[in-house]
């Protein structure tokens, strides 16, 4: 369905399209905390998002 981004390699979880642009930014990490999928960015702490 195009949910995974094989060119990145580190993004293996299903990420909604509204969050995907933040997940592609340099320094972004997609993590799962419980049932929530979060995008955090160590380089730019202002860009973060939550799914679920």
PDB file of N, CA and C in Angstrom:
ATOM      1  N   UNK A   1       0.806  -1.197   0.000  1.00  0.00           N
ATOM      2  CA  UNK A   1       0.000   0.000   0.000  1.00  0.00           C
ATOM      3  C   UNK A   1       0.845   1.255   0.000  1.00  0.00           C
ATOM      4  N   UNK A   2       2.178   1.141  -0.008  1.00  0.00           N
ATOM      5  CA  UNK A   2       3.026   2.312   0.025  1.00  0.00           C
ATOM      6  C   UNK A   2       3.194   2.887   1.415  1.00  0.00           C
ATOM      7  N   UNK A   3       2.873   2.107   2.438  1.00  0.00           N
ATOM      8  CA  UNK A   3       2.962   2.602   3.802  1.00  0.00           C
ATOM      9  C   UNK A   3       4.400   2.600   4.300  1.00  0.00           C
ATOM     10  N   UNK A   4       5.189   1.653   3.815  1.00  0.00           N
ATOM     11  CA  UNK A   4       6.563   1.567   4.257  1.00  0.00           C
ATOM     12  C   UNK A   4       7.464   2.272   3.256  1.00  0.00           C
ATOM     13  N   UNK A   5       8.544   2.828   3.748  1.00  0.00           N
ATOM     14  CA  UNK A   5       9.475   3.550   2.889  1.00  0.00           C
ATOM     15  C   UNK A   5      10.778   2.774   2.828  1.00  0.00           C
ATOM     16  N   UNK A   6      10.969   1.950   1.813  1.00  0.00           N
ATOM     17  CA  UNK A   6      12.172   1.124   1.785  1.00  0.00           C
ATOM     18  C   UNK A   6      13.445   1.915   1.558  1.00  0.00           C
ATOM     19  N   UNK A   7      13.365   3.100   0.946  1.00  0.00           N
ATOM     20  CA  UNK A   7      14.584   3.857   0.699  1.00  0.00           C
ATOM     21  C   UNK A   7      15.179   4.396   1.992  1.00  0.00           C
ATOM     22  N   UNK A   8      14.370   4.574   3.020  1.00  0.00           N
ATOM     23  CA  UNK A   8      14.882   5.076   4.286  1.00  0.00           C
ATOM     24  C   UNK A   8      15.511   3.957   5.098  1.00  0.00           C
ATOM     25  N   UNK A   9      14.862   2.795   5.095  1.00  0.00           N
ATOM     26  CA  UNK A   9      15.420   1.668   5.805  1.00  0.00           C
ATOM     27  C   UNK A   9      15.051   1.613   7.276  1.00  0.00           C
ATOM     28  N   UNK A  10      14.888   2.761   7.927  1.00  0.00           N
ATOM     29  CA  UNK A  10      14.625   2.739   9.357  1.00  0.00           C
ATOM     30  C   UNK A  10      13.151   2.920   9.674  1.00  0.00           C
ATOM     31  N   UNK A  11      12.330   3.136   8.656  1.00  0.00           N
ATOM     32  CA  UNK A  11      10.904   3.363   8.849  1.00  0.00           C
ATOM     33  C   UNK A  11      10.167   2.095   8.449  1.00  0.00           C
ATOM     34  N   UNK A  12       9.871   1.236   9.418  1.00  0.00           N
ATOM     35  CA  UNK A  12       9.251  -0.044   9.111  1.00  0.00           C
ATOM     36  C   UNK A  12       7.806  -0.104   9.585  1.00  0.00           C
ATOM     37  N   UNK A  13       7.361   0.870  10.375  1.00  0.00           N
ATOM     38  CA  UNK A  13       5.996   0.855  10.874  1.00  0.00           C
ATOM     39  C   UNK A  13       5.070   1.544   9.885  1.00  0.00           C
ATOM     40  N   UNK A  14       3.791   1.237  10.004  1.00  0.00           N
ATOM     41  CA  UNK A  14       2.811   1.911   9.164  1.00  0.00           C
ATOM     42  C   UNK A  14       2.648   3.339   9.661  1.00  0.00           C
ATOM     43  N   UNK A  15       2.898   4.281   8.778  1.00  0.00           N
ATOM     44  CA  UNK A  15       2.832   5.693   9.146  1.00  0.00           C
ATOM     45  C   UNK A  15       1.835   6.360   8.220  1.00  0.00           C
ATOM     46  N   UNK A  16       0.927   7.134   8.809  1.00  0.00           N
ATOM     47  CA  UNK A  16      -0.081   7.846   8.048  1.00  0.00           C
ATOM     48  C   UNK A  16       0.569   8.883   7.152  1.00  0.00           C
ATOM     49  N   UNK A  17      -0.087   9.206   6.035  1.00  0.00           N
ATOM     50  CA  UNK A  17       0.516  10.105   5.053  1.00  0.00           C
ATOM     51  C   UNK A  17       0.700  11.503   5.604  1.00  0.00           C
ATOM     52  N   UNK A  18      -0.124  11.904   6.581  1.00  0.00           N
ATOM     53  CA  UNK A  18       0.040  13.239   7.143  1.00  0.00           C
ATOM     54  C   UNK A  18       1.297  13.341   8.003  1.00  0.00           C
ATOM     55  N   UNK A  19       1.783  12.228   8.501  1.00  0.00           N
ATOM     56  CA  UNK A  19       2.969  12.207   9.362  1.00  0.00           C
ATOM     57  C   UNK A  19       4.214  11.858   8.560  1.00  0.00           C
ATOM     58  N   UNK A  20       4.020  11.290   7.382  1.00  0.00           N
ATOM     59  CA  UNK A  20       5.145  10.771   6.612  1.00  0.00           C
ATOM     60  C   UNK A  20       6.147  11.852   6.229  1.00  0.00           C
ATOM     61  N   UNK A  21       5.670  13.076   5.970  1.00  0.00           N
ATOM     62  CA  UNK A  21       6.601  14.141   5.591  1.00  0.00           C
ATOM     63  C   UNK A  21       7.522  14.489   6.756  1.00  0.00           C
ATOM     64  N   UNK A  22       7.017  14.444   7.982  1.00  0.00           N
ATOM     65  CA  UNK A  22       7.878  14.672   9.142  1.00  0.00           C
ATOM     66  C   UNK A  22       8.830  13.510   9.370  1.00  0.00           C
ATOM     67  N   UNK A  23       8.396  12.306   9.028  1.00  0.00           N
ATOM     68  CA  UNK A  23       9.241  11.134   9.225  1.00  0.00           C
ATOM     69  C   UNK A  23      10.403  11.106   8.242  1.00  0.00           C
ATOM     70  N   UNK A  24      10.284  11.812   7.125  1.00  0.00           N
ATOM     71  CA  UNK A  24      11.360  11.831   6.132  1.00  0.00           C
ATOM     72  C   UNK A  24      12.413  12.893   6.419  1.00  0.00           C
ATOM     73  N   UNK A  25      12.174  13.769   7.373  1.00  0.00           N
ATOM     74  CA  UNK A  25      13.121  14.837   7.677  1.00  0.00           C
ATOM     75  C   UNK A  25      14.405  14.266   8.252  1.00  0.00           C
ATOM     76  N   UNK A  26      15.541  14.915   8.049  1.00  0.00           N
ATOM     77  CA  UNK A  26      16.791  14.407   8.618  1.00  0.00           C
ATOM     78  C   UNK A  26      16.758  14.463  10.138  1.00  0.00           C
ATOM     79  N   UNK A  27      17.159  13.384  10.758  1.00  0.00           N
ATOM     80  CA  UNK A  27      17.177  13.294  12.207  1.00  0.00           C
ATOM     81  C   UNK A  27      15.897  12.771  12.816  1.00  0.00           C
ATOM     82  N   UNK A  28      14.908  12.429  11.992  1.00  0.00           N
ATOM     83  CA  UNK A  28      13.618  11.973  12.517  1.00  0.00           C
ATOM     84  C   UNK A  28      13.675  10.497  12.868  1.00  0.00           C
ATOM     85  N   UNK A  29      12.971  10.135  13.922  1.00  0.00           N
ATOM     86  CA  UNK A  29      12.861   8.748  14.346  1.00  0.00           C
ATOM     87  C   UNK A  29      11.382   8.429  14.524  1.00  0.00           C
ATOM     88  N   UNK A  30      10.977   7.268  14.029  1.00  0.00           N
ATOM     89  CA  UNK A  30       9.615   6.790  14.216  1.00  0.00           C
ATOM     90  C   UNK A  30       9.670   5.745  15.307  1.00  0.00           C
ATOM     91  N   UNK A  31       8.961   5.997  16.411  1.00  0.00           N
ATOM     92  CA  UNK A  31       8.991   5.083  17.544  1.00  0.00           C
ATOM     93  C   UNK A  31       7.567   4.746  17.938  1.00  0.00           C
ATOM     94  N   UNK A  32       7.432   3.655  18.664  1.00  0.00           N
ATOM     95  CA  UNK A  32       6.124   3.228  19.157  1.00  0.00           C
ATOM     96  C   UNK A  32       6.177   3.223  20.673  1.00  0.00           C
ATOM     97  N   UNK A  33       5.260   3.957  21.278  1.00  0.00           N
ATOM     98  CA  UNK A  33       5.114   3.968  22.730  1.00  0.00           C
ATOM     99  C   UNK A  33       3.709   3.485  23.046  1.00  0.00           C
ATOM    100  N   UNK A  34       3.609   2.239  23.436  1.00  0.00           N
ATOM    101  CA  UNK A  34       2.298   1.644  23.672  1.00  0.00           C
ATOM    102  C   UNK A  34       1.569   1.479  22.362  1.00  0.00           C
ATOM    103  N   UNK A  35       0.407   2.102  22.242  1.00  0.00           N
ATOM    104  CA  UNK A  35      -0.367   2.002  21.007  1.00  0.00           C
ATOM    105  C   UNK A  35      -0.157   3.196  20.100  1.00  0.00           C
ATOM    106  N   UNK A  36       0.628   4.174  20.535  1.00  0.00           N
ATOM    107  CA  UNK A  36       0.836   5.386  19.747  1.00  0.00           C
ATOM    108  C   UNK A  36       2.122   5.274  18.928  1.00  0.00           C
ATOM    109  N   UNK A  37       2.073   5.766  17.709  1.00  0.00           N
ATOM    110  CA  UNK A  37       3.249   5.876  16.862  1.00  0.00           C
ATOM    111  C   UNK A  37       3.658   7.331  16.878  1.00  0.00           C
ATOM    112  N   UNK A  38       4.890   7.610  17.288  1.00  0.00           N
ATOM    113  CA  UNK A  38       5.371   8.975  17.421  1.00  0.00           C
ATOM    114  C   UNK A  38       6.522   9.213  16.461  1.00  0.00           C
ATOM    115  N   UNK A  39       6.603  10.427  15.969  1.00  0.00           N
ATOM    116  CA  UNK A  39       7.754  10.880  15.186  1.00  0.00           C
ATOM    117  C   UNK A  39       8.435  11.946  16.015  1.00  0.00           C
ATOM    118  N   UNK A  40       9.686  11.692  16.384  1.00  0.00           N
ATOM    119  CA  UNK A  40      10.463  12.683  17.118  1.00  0.00           C
ATOM    120  C   UNK A  40      11.680  13.016  16.285  1.00  0.00           C
ATOM    121  N   UNK A  41      12.194  14.195  16.513  1.00  0.00           N
ATOM    122  CA  UNK A  41      13.345  14.650  15.735  1.00  0.00           C
ATOM    123  C   UNK A  41      14.359  15.256  16.696  1.00  0.00           C
ATOM    124  N   UNK A  42      15.544  14.631  16.761  1.00  0.00           N
ATOM    125  CA  UNK A  42      16.586  15.120  17.653  1.00  0.00           C
ATOM    126  C   UNK A  42      17.232  16.391  17.107  1.00  0.00           C
ATOM    127  N   UNK A  43      17.303  16.510  15.777  1.00  0.00           N
ATOM    128  CA  UNK A  43      17.924  17.690  15.178  1.00  0.00           C
ATOM    129  C   UNK A  43      17.032  18.924  15.298  1.00  0.00           C
ATOM    130  N   UNK A  44      15.731  18.743  15.092  1.00  0.00           N
ATOM    131  CA  UNK A  44      14.781  19.844  15.173  1.00  0.00           C
ATOM    132  C   UNK A  44      13.661  19.428  16.135  1.00  0.00           C
ATOM    133  N   UNK A  45      13.795  19.697  17.431  1.00  0.00           N
ATOM    134  CA  UNK A  45      12.822  19.208  18.410  1.00  0.00           C
ATOM    135  C   UNK A  45      11.412  19.762  18.229  1.00  0.00           C
ATOM    136  N   UNK A  46      11.239  20.801  17.436  1.00  0.00           N
ATOM    137  CA  UNK A  46       9.898  21.344  17.220  1.00  0.00           C
ATOM    138  C   UNK A  46       9.067  20.466  16.305  1.00  0.00           C
ATOM    139  N   UNK A  47       9.707  19.672  15.457  1.00  0.00           N
ATOM    140  CA  UNK A  47       8.941  18.824  14.521  1.00  0.00           C
ATOM    141  C   UNK A  47       8.726  17.469  15.159  1.00  0.00           C
ATOM    142  N   UNK A  48       7.542  17.291  15.692  1.00  0.00           N
ATOM    143  CA  UNK A  48       7.150  16.011  16.267  1.00  0.00           C
ATOM    144  C   UNK A  48       5.670  15.791  15.970  1.00  0.00           C
ATOM    145  N   UNK A  49       5.281  14.529  15.929  1.00  0.00           N
ATOM    146  CA  UNK A  49       3.911  14.209  15.575  1.00  0.00           C
ATOM    147  C   UNK A  49       3.505  12.919  16.270  1.00  0.00           C
ATOM    148  N   UNK A  50       2.180  12.753  16.384  1.00  0.00           N
ATOM    149  CA  UNK A  50       1.630  11.571  17.037  1.00  0.00           C
ATOM    150  C   UNK A  50       0.549  10.998  16.147  1.00  0.00           C
ATOM    151  N   UNK A  51       0.531   9.674  16.055  1.00  0.00           N
ATOM    152  CA  UNK A  51      -0.496   8.963  15.296  1.00  0.00           C
ATOM    153  C   UNK A  51      -1.129   7.942  16.228  1.00  0.00           C
ATOM    154  N   UNK A  52      -2.431   8.011  16.386  1.00  0.00           N
ATOM    155  CA  UNK A  52      -3.130   7.016  17.205  1.00  0.00           C
ATOM    156  C   UNK A  52      -3.424   7.462  18.608  1.00  0.00           C
TER     157      UNK A  52
END
